[in-house]
C-alpha cells in the first residue's frame, strides 16, 4: 500500500497534465469524428453514419473552399509582413539601446492586451476616416497590426536566450558581420522566427472579430462558418478543421524531432 501511494505521489503531476491535455484535445477529437460523419439533417450535429465522402469531396461547398483559400491568402500575406517587421523590431529591442527603447518595449504589448472588439472598431474608424474601401487589403493590414506584437515577443524571447559568445567567436575567426549573421545568428534565431510565423498564421486564419469589422464584402473562413451556422454548417468544415490541426501537429512534431537530432549530434561531437 505504501509503495502504491509513493508511486502515485511521484506521478500525480503527470496524471493531472494528461487529464488537462485530454480536456484540451476533446473538442479536436469531436471535430475529427464529425469530419467522417453523414448527419441526419443539415442542422443536426449528432454522429449518424460513418462516411469518407466529406474527405473525398472537401469542396462540395464552393463558397466554403473560396473562403478557405481567401483566409490562407490573407494569413500568408499578414504572416509574411508581420514576421519581417516583427523580427526587425525584436532585433532592435534585444540588441540595441536607443532613446525610448523602454517605451517601445511597453507599447509592443498593447495590441496583445487590447480587446479585439476595441481594435476592430478602432481600425474601422481609421479606414473610414481615411476613405479606404473595406475589403481584402484592409483585412491584411488589420491582421498585421495584431500579429506584429506576438512576433516581436516570440522572436525577442529567442534572442534574449542566445549566447552572444558564439557570435563573438565567429568574428574572432575573421568572419564579417554579414557572415556571422548568416551562419551563426540567423540559424540560432530561426526556431523562434518559425514559431512566431506559425503563431501569426494561426491567429490570422481563425480571427473573426477584427475581420468582421474591416472585411466589407470579403468573406473569410471564420466568417463563412458564422454565417453558415444559421442555416446548417456543412460537414466539410470539420474536414478543414481536422486537416489544419493535422498540419500543425506534423510541423510541431517535425520541429521537435529535428531539435532532438541536433542535440544528439552535438552531444556526439562533444564526446
C-alpha atoms as a PDB file:
ATOM      1  CA  UNK A   1       0.000   0.000   0.000  1.00  0.00           C
ATOM      2  CA  UNK A   2       2.836   2.365   0.882  1.00  0.00           C
ATOM      3  CA  UNK A   3       4.582   1.592  -2.386  1.00  0.00           C
ATOM      4  CA  UNK A   4       1.394   2.312  -4.348  1.00  0.00           C
ATOM      5  CA  UNK A   5       0.937   5.643  -2.566  1.00  0.00           C
ATOM      6  CA  UNK A   6       4.565   6.553  -3.238  1.00  0.00           C
ATOM      7  CA  UNK A   7       4.100   5.670  -6.925  1.00  0.00           C
ATOM      8  CA  UNK A   8       1.014   7.894  -7.116  1.00  0.00           C
ATOM      9  CA  UNK A   9       2.786  10.719  -5.293  1.00  0.00           C
ATOM     10  CA  UNK A  10       5.668  10.625  -7.767  1.00  0.00           C
ATOM     11  CA  UNK A  11       3.416  10.672 -10.823  1.00  0.00           C
ATOM     12  CA  UNK A  12       0.370  12.739  -9.870  1.00  0.00           C
ATOM     13  CA  UNK A  13       1.670  15.778 -11.735  1.00  0.00           C
ATOM     14  CA  UNK A  14       1.972  13.721 -14.934  1.00  0.00           C
ATOM     15  CA  UNK A  15      -1.536  12.389 -14.407  1.00  0.00           C
ATOM     16  CA  UNK A  16      -3.007  15.856 -13.968  1.00  0.00           C
ATOM     17  CA  UNK A  17      -1.115  17.073 -17.050  1.00  0.00           C
ATOM     18  CA  UNK A  18      -2.539  14.197 -19.113  1.00  0.00           C
ATOM     19  CA  UNK A  19      -6.063  14.990 -17.892  1.00  0.00           C
ATOM     20  CA  UNK A  20      -5.670  18.658 -18.814  1.00  0.00           C
ATOM     21  CA  UNK A  21      -4.237  17.708 -22.204  1.00  0.00           C
ATOM     22  CA  UNK A  22      -7.141  15.346 -22.829  1.00  0.00           C
ATOM     23  CA  UNK A  23      -9.580  18.115 -21.879  1.00  0.00           C
ATOM     24  CA  UNK A  24      -7.919  20.487 -24.339  1.00  0.00           C
ATOM     25  CA  UNK A  25      -7.916  17.925 -27.153  1.00  0.00           C
ATOM     26  CA  UNK A  26     -11.532  16.823 -26.614  1.00  0.00           C
ATOM     27  CA  UNK A  27     -13.015  19.452 -28.995  1.00  0.00           C
ATOM     28  CA  UNK A  28     -10.443  18.451 -31.627  1.00  0.00           C
ATOM     29  CA  UNK A  29     -11.486  14.809 -31.265  1.00  0.00           C
ATOM     30  CA  UNK A  30     -15.135  15.803 -31.712  1.00  0.00           C
ATOM     31  CA  UNK A  31     -14.323  17.779 -34.866  1.00  0.00           C
ATOM     32  CA  UNK A  32     -12.307  14.846 -36.244  1.00  0.00           C
ATOM     33  CA  UNK A  33     -15.214  12.477 -35.552  1.00  0.00           C
ATOM     34  CA  UNK A  34     -17.720  14.789 -37.216  1.00  0.00           C
ATOM     35  CA  UNK A  35     -15.461  15.018 -40.287  1.00  0.00           C
ATOM     36  CA  UNK A  36     -16.321  11.367 -41.068  1.00  0.00           C
ATOM     37  CA  UNK A  37     -19.996  11.739 -40.208  1.00  0.00           C
ATOM     38  CA  UNK A  38     -23.014  11.876 -42.503  1.00  0.00           C
ATOM     39  CA  UNK A  39     -25.501  13.964 -40.493  1.00  0.00           C
ATOM     40  CA  UNK A  40     -29.159  13.058 -40.425  1.00  0.00           C
ATOM     41  CA  UNK A  41     -30.089  16.618 -41.393  1.00  0.00           C
ATOM     42  CA  UNK A  42     -28.369  19.864 -42.191  1.00  0.00           C
ATOM     43  CA  UNK A  43     -28.998  21.238 -38.699  1.00  0.00           C
ATOM     44  CA  UNK A  44     -28.005  18.019 -36.897  1.00  0.00           C
ATOM     45  CA  UNK A  45     -24.584  17.662 -35.261  1.00  0.00           C
ATOM     46  CA  UNK A  46     -25.027  14.163 -33.840  1.00  0.00           C
ATOM     47  CA  UNK A  47     -22.960  11.282 -35.164  1.00  0.00           C
ATOM     48  CA  UNK A  48     -25.339   9.499 -37.525  1.00  0.00           C
ATOM     49  CA  UNK A  49     -23.378   7.418 -40.065  1.00  0.00           C
ATOM     50  CA  UNK A  50     -19.714   6.863 -40.878  1.00  0.00           C
ATOM     51  CA  UNK A  51     -18.613   8.084 -44.295  1.00  0.00           C
ATOM     52  CA  UNK A  52     -15.471   9.248 -46.080  1.00  0.00           C
ATOM     53  CA  UNK A  53     -17.379  11.309 -48.643  1.00  0.00           C
ATOM     54  CA  UNK A  54     -16.552  14.517 -46.764  1.00  0.00           C
ATOM     55  CA  UNK A  55     -12.832  13.845 -47.223  1.00  0.00           C
ATOM     56  CA  UNK A  56     -13.230  12.703 -50.838  1.00  0.00           C
ATOM     57  CA  UNK A  57     -15.065  15.887 -51.751  1.00  0.00           C
ATOM     58  CA  UNK A  58     -13.965  18.639 -49.350  1.00  0.00           C
ATOM     59  CA  UNK A  59     -15.091  21.345 -51.806  1.00  0.00           C
ATOM     60  CA  UNK A  60     -18.694  20.241 -52.002  1.00  0.00           C
ATOM     61  CA  UNK A  61     -19.486  23.794 -50.932  1.00  0.00           C
ATOM     62  CA  UNK A  62     -17.719  26.072 -53.397  1.00  0.00           C
ATOM     63  CA  UNK A  63     -18.308  29.102 -51.174  1.00  0.00           C
ATOM     64  CA  UNK A  64     -16.551  27.375 -48.278  1.00  0.00           C
ATOM     65  CA  UNK A  65     -13.497  26.495 -50.371  1.00  0.00           C
ATOM     66  CA  UNK A  66     -13.298  30.069 -51.678  1.00  0.00           C
ATOM     67  CA  UNK A  67     -13.410  31.317 -48.075  1.00  0.00           C
ATOM     68  CA  UNK A  68     -10.645  28.885 -47.051  1.00  0.00           C
ATOM     69  CA  UNK A  69      -8.412  29.980 -49.938  1.00  0.00           C
ATOM     70  CA  UNK A  70      -9.055  33.616 -49.075  1.00  0.00           C
ATOM     71  CA  UNK A  71      -8.165  33.013 -45.414  1.00  0.00           C
ATOM     72  CA  UNK A  72      -4.954  31.242 -46.437  1.00  0.00           C
ATOM     73  CA  UNK A  73      -4.014  34.137 -48.726  1.00  0.00           C
ATOM     74  CA  UNK A  74      -4.695  36.723 -46.026  1.00  0.00           C
ATOM     75  CA  UNK A  75      -2.866  34.627 -43.439  1.00  0.00           C
ATOM     76  CA  UNK A  76       0.172  34.188 -45.685  1.00  0.00           C
ATOM     77  CA  UNK A  77       0.474  37.904 -46.510  1.00  0.00           C
ATOM     78  CA  UNK A  78      -0.151  39.000 -42.920  1.00  0.00           C
ATOM     79  CA  UNK A  79       2.332  36.418 -41.600  1.00  0.00           C
ATOM     80  CA  UNK A  80       4.997  37.455 -44.093  1.00  0.00           C
ATOM     81  CA  UNK A  81       4.687  41.154 -43.276  1.00  0.00           C
ATOM     82  CA  UNK A  82       4.363  40.649 -39.516  1.00  0.00           C
ATOM     83  CA  UNK A  83       7.287  38.216 -39.376  1.00  0.00           C
ATOM     84  CA  UNK A  84       9.650  40.518 -41.285  1.00  0.00           C
ATOM     85  CA  UNK A  85       8.691  43.658 -39.364  1.00  0.00           C
ATOM     86  CA  UNK A  86       8.453  41.857 -36.021  1.00  0.00           C
ATOM     87  CA  UNK A  87      11.846  40.186 -36.426  1.00  0.00           C
ATOM     88  CA  UNK A  88      13.493  43.514 -37.208  1.00  0.00           C
ATOM     89  CA  UNK A  89      11.815  45.097 -34.189  1.00  0.00           C
ATOM     90  CA  UNK A  90      12.855  42.189 -31.964  1.00  0.00           C
ATOM     91  CA  UNK A  91      16.492  42.528 -33.038  1.00  0.00           C
ATOM     92  CA  UNK A  92      16.365  46.264 -32.395  1.00  0.00           C
ATOM     93  CA  UNK A  93      14.861  45.836 -28.910  1.00  0.00           C
ATOM     94  CA  UNK A  94      17.089  42.918 -27.905  1.00  0.00           C
ATOM     95  CA  UNK A  95      20.417  44.006 -29.372  1.00  0.00           C
ATOM     96  CA  UNK A  96      20.463  47.822 -29.391  1.00  0.00           C
ATOM     97  CA  UNK A  97      19.998  50.597 -26.864  1.00  0.00           C
ATOM     98  CA  UNK A  98      18.306  53.797 -28.005  1.00  0.00           C
ATOM     99  CA  UNK A  99      16.227  56.606 -26.560  1.00  0.00           C
ATOM    100  CA  UNK A 100      12.654  55.486 -25.959  1.00  0.00           C
ATOM    101  CA  UNK A 101      13.538  51.783 -26.006  1.00  0.00           C
ATOM    102  CA  UNK A 102      11.667  51.057 -22.771  1.00  0.00           C
ATOM    103  CA  UNK A 103       8.594  52.903 -24.063  1.00  0.00           C
ATOM    104  CA  UNK A 104       8.599  50.987 -27.342  1.00  0.00           C
ATOM    105  CA  UNK A 105       9.082  47.745 -25.436  1.00  0.00           C
ATOM    106  CA  UNK A 106       5.995  48.524 -23.336  1.00  0.00           C
ATOM    107  CA  UNK A 107       3.913  49.645 -26.318  1.00  0.00           C
ATOM    108  CA  UNK A 108       4.557  46.337 -28.076  1.00  0.00           C
ATOM    109  CA  UNK A 109       2.316  44.610 -25.528  1.00  0.00           C
ATOM    110  CA  UNK A 110      -0.634  46.973 -26.037  1.00  0.00           C
ATOM    111  CA  UNK A 111      -2.141  45.192 -29.083  1.00  0.00           C
ATOM    112  CA  UNK A 112      -1.913  41.896 -27.185  1.00  0.00           C
ATOM    113  CA  UNK A 113      -3.756  43.354 -24.191  1.00  0.00           C
ATOM    114  CA  UNK A 114      -6.300  45.339 -26.199  1.00  0.00           C
ATOM    115  CA  UNK A 115      -9.676  43.570 -26.643  1.00  0.00           C
ATOM    116  CA  UNK A 116     -10.305  42.574 -30.244  1.00  0.00           C
ATOM    117  CA  UNK A 117     -13.589  44.479 -30.208  1.00  0.00           C
ATOM    118  CA  UNK A 118     -11.755  47.713 -29.423  1.00  0.00           C
ATOM    119  CA  UNK A 119      -9.070  47.043 -32.023  1.00  0.00           C
ATOM    120  CA  UNK A 120     -11.634  46.138 -34.693  1.00  0.00           C
ATOM    121  CA  UNK A 121     -13.732  49.255 -34.166  1.00  0.00           C
ATOM    122  CA  UNK A 122     -10.631  51.477 -33.977  1.00  0.00           C
ATOM    123  CA  UNK A 123      -9.291  50.153 -37.273  1.00  0.00           C
ATOM    124  CA  UNK A 124     -12.726  50.532 -38.835  1.00  0.00           C
ATOM    125  CA  UNK A 125     -12.859  54.187 -37.770  1.00  0.00           C
ATOM    126  CA  UNK A 126      -9.347  54.706 -39.118  1.00  0.00           C
ATOM    127  CA  UNK A 127     -10.153  53.215 -42.532  1.00  0.00           C
ATOM    128  CA  UNK A 128     -13.454  55.080 -42.808  1.00  0.00           C
ATOM    129  CA  UNK A 129     -11.916  58.440 -41.858  1.00  0.00           C
ATOM    130  CA  UNK A 130      -9.066  57.856 -44.336  1.00  0.00           C
ATOM    131  CA  UNK A 131     -11.510  56.933 -47.100  1.00  0.00           C
ATOM    132  CA  UNK A 132     -10.013  53.461 -47.563  1.00  0.00           C
ATOM    133  CA  UNK A 133     -12.561  50.996 -49.024  1.00  0.00           C
ATOM    134  CA  UNK A 134     -13.012  47.914 -46.861  1.00  0.00           C
ATOM    135  CA  UNK A 135     -12.027  44.607 -48.381  1.00  0.00           C
ATOM    136  CA  UNK A 136      -9.178  42.151 -48.786  1.00  0.00           C
ATOM    137  CA  UNK A 137      -6.320  44.577 -48.118  1.00  0.00           C
ATOM    138  CA  UNK A 138      -7.888  46.233 -45.084  1.00  0.00           C
ATOM    139  CA  UNK A 139      -8.171  42.770 -43.526  1.00  0.00           C
ATOM    140  CA  UNK A 140      -4.489  42.095 -44.293  1.00  0.00           C
ATOM    141  CA  UNK A 141      -3.466  45.410 -42.688  1.00  0.00           C
ATOM    142  CA  UNK A 142      -5.634  44.699 -39.640  1.00  0.00           C
ATOM    143  CA  UNK A 143      -4.138  41.221 -39.223  1.00  0.00           C
ATOM    144  CA  UNK A 144      -0.594  42.560 -39.484  1.00  0.00           C
ATOM    145  CA  UNK A 145      -1.450  45.029 -36.721  1.00  0.00           C
ATOM    146  CA  UNK A 146      -2.370  42.426 -34.100  1.00  0.00           C
ATOM    147  CA  UNK A 147       0.054  39.703 -35.271  1.00  0.00           C
ATOM    148  CA  UNK A 148       3.060  42.019 -35.049  1.00  0.00           C
ATOM    149  CA  UNK A 149       3.175  42.071 -31.244  1.00  0.00           C
ATOM    150  CA  UNK A 150       3.123  38.281 -30.977  1.00  0.00           C
ATOM    151  CA  UNK A 151       6.001  38.003 -33.444  1.00  0.00           C
ATOM    152  CA  UNK A 152       8.083  40.595 -31.578  1.00  0.00           C
ATOM    153  CA  UNK A 153       7.584  38.911 -28.209  1.00  0.00           C
ATOM    154  CA  UNK A 154       8.320  35.410 -29.538  1.00  0.00           C
ATOM    155  CA  UNK A 155      11.449  36.342 -31.503  1.00  0.00           C
ATOM    156  CA  UNK A 156      12.749  38.593 -28.729  1.00  0.00           C
ATOM    157  CA  UNK A 157      12.461  35.760 -26.213  1.00  0.00           C
ATOM    158  CA  UNK A 158      14.602  33.625 -28.506  1.00  0.00           C
ATOM    159  CA  UNK A 159      17.194  36.363 -28.981  1.00  0.00           C
ATOM    160  CA  UNK A 160      17.491  37.052 -25.259  1.00  0.00           C
ATOM    161  CA  UNK A 161      18.276  33.377 -24.624  1.00  0.00           C
ATOM    162  CA  UNK A 162      21.005  33.194 -27.270  1.00  0.00           C
ATOM    163  CA  UNK A 163      24.658  33.003 -26.285  1.00  0.00           C
ATOM    164  CA  UNK A 164      26.385  36.093 -27.691  1.00  0.00           C
ATOM    165  CA  UNK A 165      29.759  34.415 -27.251  1.00  0.00           C
ATOM    166  CA  UNK A 166      29.075  32.250 -30.311  1.00  0.00           C
ATOM    167  CA  UNK A 167      28.825  35.357 -32.493  1.00  0.00           C
ATOM    168  CA  UNK A 168      31.898  36.858 -30.877  1.00  0.00           C
ATOM    169  CA  UNK A 169      33.819  33.654 -31.539  1.00  0.00           C
ATOM    170  CA  UNK A 170      32.796  33.740 -35.199  1.00  0.00           C
ATOM    171  CA  UNK A 171      34.028  37.320 -35.567  1.00  0.00           C
ATOM    172  CA  UNK A 172      37.259  36.401 -33.773  1.00  0.00           C
ATOM    173  CA  UNK A 173      37.752  33.832 -36.541  1.00  0.00           C
ATOM    174  CA  UNK A 174      37.651  36.693 -39.093  1.00  0.00           C
ATOM    175  CA  UNK A 175      34.014  36.298 -40.110  1.00  0.00           C
ATOM    176  CA  UNK A 176      32.405  39.511 -41.322  1.00  0.00           C
ATOM    177  CA  UNK A 177      29.226  40.879 -39.745  1.00  0.00           C
ATOM    178  CA  UNK A 178      27.125  39.523 -42.602  1.00  0.00           C
ATOM    179  CA  UNK A 179      28.781  36.084 -42.438  1.00  0.00           C
ATOM    180  CA  UNK A 180      28.275  35.982 -38.671  1.00  0.00           C
ATOM    181  CA  UNK A 181      24.618  36.880 -39.068  1.00  0.00           C
ATOM    182  CA  UNK A 182      24.006  34.414 -41.897  1.00  0.00           C
ATOM    183  CA  UNK A 183      25.874  31.435 -40.442  1.00  0.00           C
ATOM    184  CA  UNK A 184      25.516  31.922 -36.674  1.00  0.00           C
ATOM    185  CA  UNK A 185      22.851  34.413 -35.635  1.00  0.00           C
ATOM    186  CA  UNK A 186      20.134  33.515 -38.137  1.00  0.00           C
ATOM    187  CA  UNK A 187      20.320  29.705 -37.633  1.00  0.00           C
ATOM    188  CA  UNK A 188      20.134  30.202 -33.867  1.00  0.00           C
ATOM    189  CA  UNK A 189      17.216  32.614 -34.120  1.00  0.00           C
ATOM    190  CA  UNK A 190      15.393  30.640 -36.823  1.00  0.00           C
ATOM    191  CA  UNK A 191      13.370  28.386 -34.450  1.00  0.00           C
ATOM    192  CA  UNK A 192      11.941  31.468 -32.760  1.00  0.00           C
ATOM    193  CA  UNK A 193      11.189  33.117 -36.098  1.00  0.00           C
ATOM    194  CA  UNK A 194       9.442  29.993 -37.403  1.00  0.00           C
ATOM    195  CA  UNK A 195       7.437  29.665 -34.182  1.00  0.00           C
ATOM    196  CA  UNK A 196       6.412  33.311 -34.437  1.00  0.00           C
ATOM    197  CA  UNK A 197       5.365  32.864 -38.080  1.00  0.00           C
ATOM    198  CA  UNK A 198       3.249  29.793 -37.244  1.00  0.00           C
ATOM    199  CA  UNK A 199       1.616  31.657 -34.361  1.00  0.00           C
ATOM    200  CA  UNK A 200       0.895  34.664 -36.569  1.00  0.00           C
ATOM    201  CA  UNK A 201      -0.657  32.489 -39.280  1.00  0.00           C
ATOM    202  CA  UNK A 202      -2.858  30.701 -36.748  1.00  0.00           C
ATOM    203  CA  UNK A 203      -4.039  33.986 -35.261  1.00  0.00           C
ATOM    204  CA  UNK A 204      -4.761  35.405 -38.705  1.00  0.00           C
ATOM    205  CA  UNK A 205      -6.517  32.321 -40.055  1.00  0.00           C
ATOM    206  CA  UNK A 206      -9.027  31.968 -37.226  1.00  0.00           C
ATOM    207  CA  UNK A 207      -9.669  35.652 -36.458  1.00  0.00           C
ATOM    208  CA  UNK A 208     -13.300  36.693 -36.656  1.00  0.00           C
ATOM    209  CA  UNK A 209     -13.942  39.866 -34.637  1.00  0.00           C
ATOM    210  CA  UNK A 210     -11.356  42.192 -36.190  1.00  0.00           C
ATOM    211  CA  UNK A 211     -12.029  40.710 -39.639  1.00  0.00           C
ATOM    212  CA  UNK A 212     -15.785  41.169 -39.314  1.00  0.00           C
ATOM    213  CA  UNK A 213     -15.359  44.908 -38.700  1.00  0.00           C
ATOM    214  CA  UNK A 214     -12.966  45.524 -41.598  1.00  0.00           C
ATOM    215  CA  UNK A 215     -13.798  42.906 -44.266  1.00  0.00           C
ATOM    216  CA  UNK A 216     -16.512  44.708 -46.180  1.00  0.00           C
ATOM    217  CA  UNK A 217     -17.801  42.126 -48.672  1.00  0.00           C
ATOM    218  CA  UNK A 218     -14.757  39.842 -48.230  1.00  0.00           C
ATOM    219  CA  UNK A 219     -15.705  36.515 -46.638  1.00  0.00           C
ATOM    220  CA  UNK A 220     -13.056  34.552 -44.765  1.00  0.00           C
ATOM    221  CA  UNK A 221     -13.392  31.016 -43.418  1.00  0.00           C
ATOM    222  CA  UNK A 222     -14.423  32.034 -39.856  1.00  0.00           C
ATOM    223  CA  UNK A 223     -16.985  34.458 -41.270  1.00  0.00           C
ATOM    224  CA  UNK A 224     -18.347  31.720 -43.541  1.00  0.00           C
ATOM    225  CA  UNK A 225     -18.726  29.341 -40.581  1.00  0.00           C
ATOM    226  CA  UNK A 226     -20.515  32.027 -38.578  1.00  0.00           C
ATOM    227  CA  UNK A 227     -22.906  32.723 -41.441  1.00  0.00           C
ATOM    228  CA  UNK A 228     -23.453  29.025 -42.213  1.00  0.00           C
ATOM    229  CA  UNK A 229     -24.347  28.266 -38.583  1.00  0.00           C
ATOM    230  CA  UNK A 230     -27.708  29.918 -39.134  1.00  0.00           C
ATOM    231  CA  UNK A 231     -28.653  27.566 -41.955  1.00  0.00           C
ATOM    232  CA  UNK A 232     -26.595  24.493 -41.110  1.00  0.00           C
ATOM    233  CA  UNK A 233     -22.821  24.070 -41.184  1.00  0.00           C
ATOM    234  CA  UNK A 234     -21.674  21.639 -43.911  1.00  0.00           C
ATOM    235  CA  UNK A 235     -19.636  18.664 -42.612  1.00  0.00           C
ATOM    236  CA  UNK A 236     -16.721  19.678 -44.842  1.00  0.00           C
ATOM    237  CA  UNK A 237     -15.997  22.449 -42.311  1.00  0.00           C
ATOM    238  CA  UNK A 238     -14.900  19.717 -39.900  1.00  0.00           C
ATOM    239  CA  UNK A 239     -12.608  18.341 -42.613  1.00  0.00           C
ATOM    240  CA  UNK A 240     -10.868  21.704 -42.902  1.00  0.00           C
ATOM    241  CA  UNK A 241     -10.506  21.975 -39.130  1.00  0.00           C
ATOM    242  CA  UNK A 242      -9.098  18.457 -38.806  1.00  0.00           C
ATOM    243  CA  UNK A 243      -6.688  18.992 -41.694  1.00  0.00           C
ATOM    244  CA  UNK A 244      -5.414  22.266 -40.199  1.00  0.00           C
ATOM    245  CA  UNK A 245      -4.830  20.583 -36.833  1.00  0.00           C
ATOM    246  CA  UNK A 246      -3.038  17.672 -38.502  1.00  0.00           C
ATOM    247  CA  UNK A 247      -0.731  20.009 -40.445  1.00  0.00           C
ATOM    248  CA  UNK A 248       0.086  21.999 -37.295  1.00  0.00           C
ATOM    249  CA  UNK A 249       0.756  18.789 -35.371  1.00  0.00           C
ATOM    250  CA  UNK A 250       3.087  17.492 -38.077  1.00  0.00           C
ATOM    251  CA  UNK A 251       5.007  20.773 -38.096  1.00  0.00           C
ATOM    252  CA  UNK A 252       5.418  20.693 -34.317  1.00  0.00           C
ATOM    253  CA  UNK A 253       6.489  17.043 -34.304  1.00  0.00           C
ATOM    254  CA  UNK A 254       8.966  17.555 -37.146  1.00  0.00           C
ATOM    255  CA  UNK A 255      10.475  20.536 -35.333  1.00  0.00           C
ATOM    256  CA  UNK A 256      10.758  18.533 -32.112  1.00  0.00           C
ATOM    257  CA  UNK A 257      12.388  15.592 -33.900  1.00  0.00           C
ATOM    258  CA  UNK A 258      14.821  17.879 -35.685  1.00  0.00           C
ATOM    259  CA  UNK A 259      15.752  19.607 -32.425  1.00  0.00           C
ATOM    260  CA  UNK A 260      16.327  16.290 -30.647  1.00  0.00           C
ATOM    261  CA  UNK A 261      18.514  15.073 -33.501  1.00  0.00           C
ATOM    262  CA  UNK A 262      20.526  18.280 -33.424  1.00  0.00           C
ATOM    263  CA  UNK A 263      21.073  17.949 -29.686  1.00  0.00           C
ATOM    264  CA  UNK A 264      22.075  14.307 -30.073  1.00  0.00           C
ATOM    265  CA  UNK A 265      24.501  15.192 -32.894  1.00  0.00           C
ATOM    266  CA  UNK A 266      26.068  18.000 -30.879  1.00  0.00           C
ATOM    267  CA  UNK A 267      26.424  15.631 -27.909  1.00  0.00           C
ATOM    268  CA  UNK A 268      28.206  13.077 -30.071  1.00  0.00           C
ATOM    269  CA  UNK A 269      30.544  15.747 -31.423  1.00  0.00           C
ATOM    270  CA  UNK A 270      31.457  16.827 -27.897  1.00  0.00           C
ATOM    271  CA  UNK A 271      32.245  13.238 -26.976  1.00  0.00           C
END
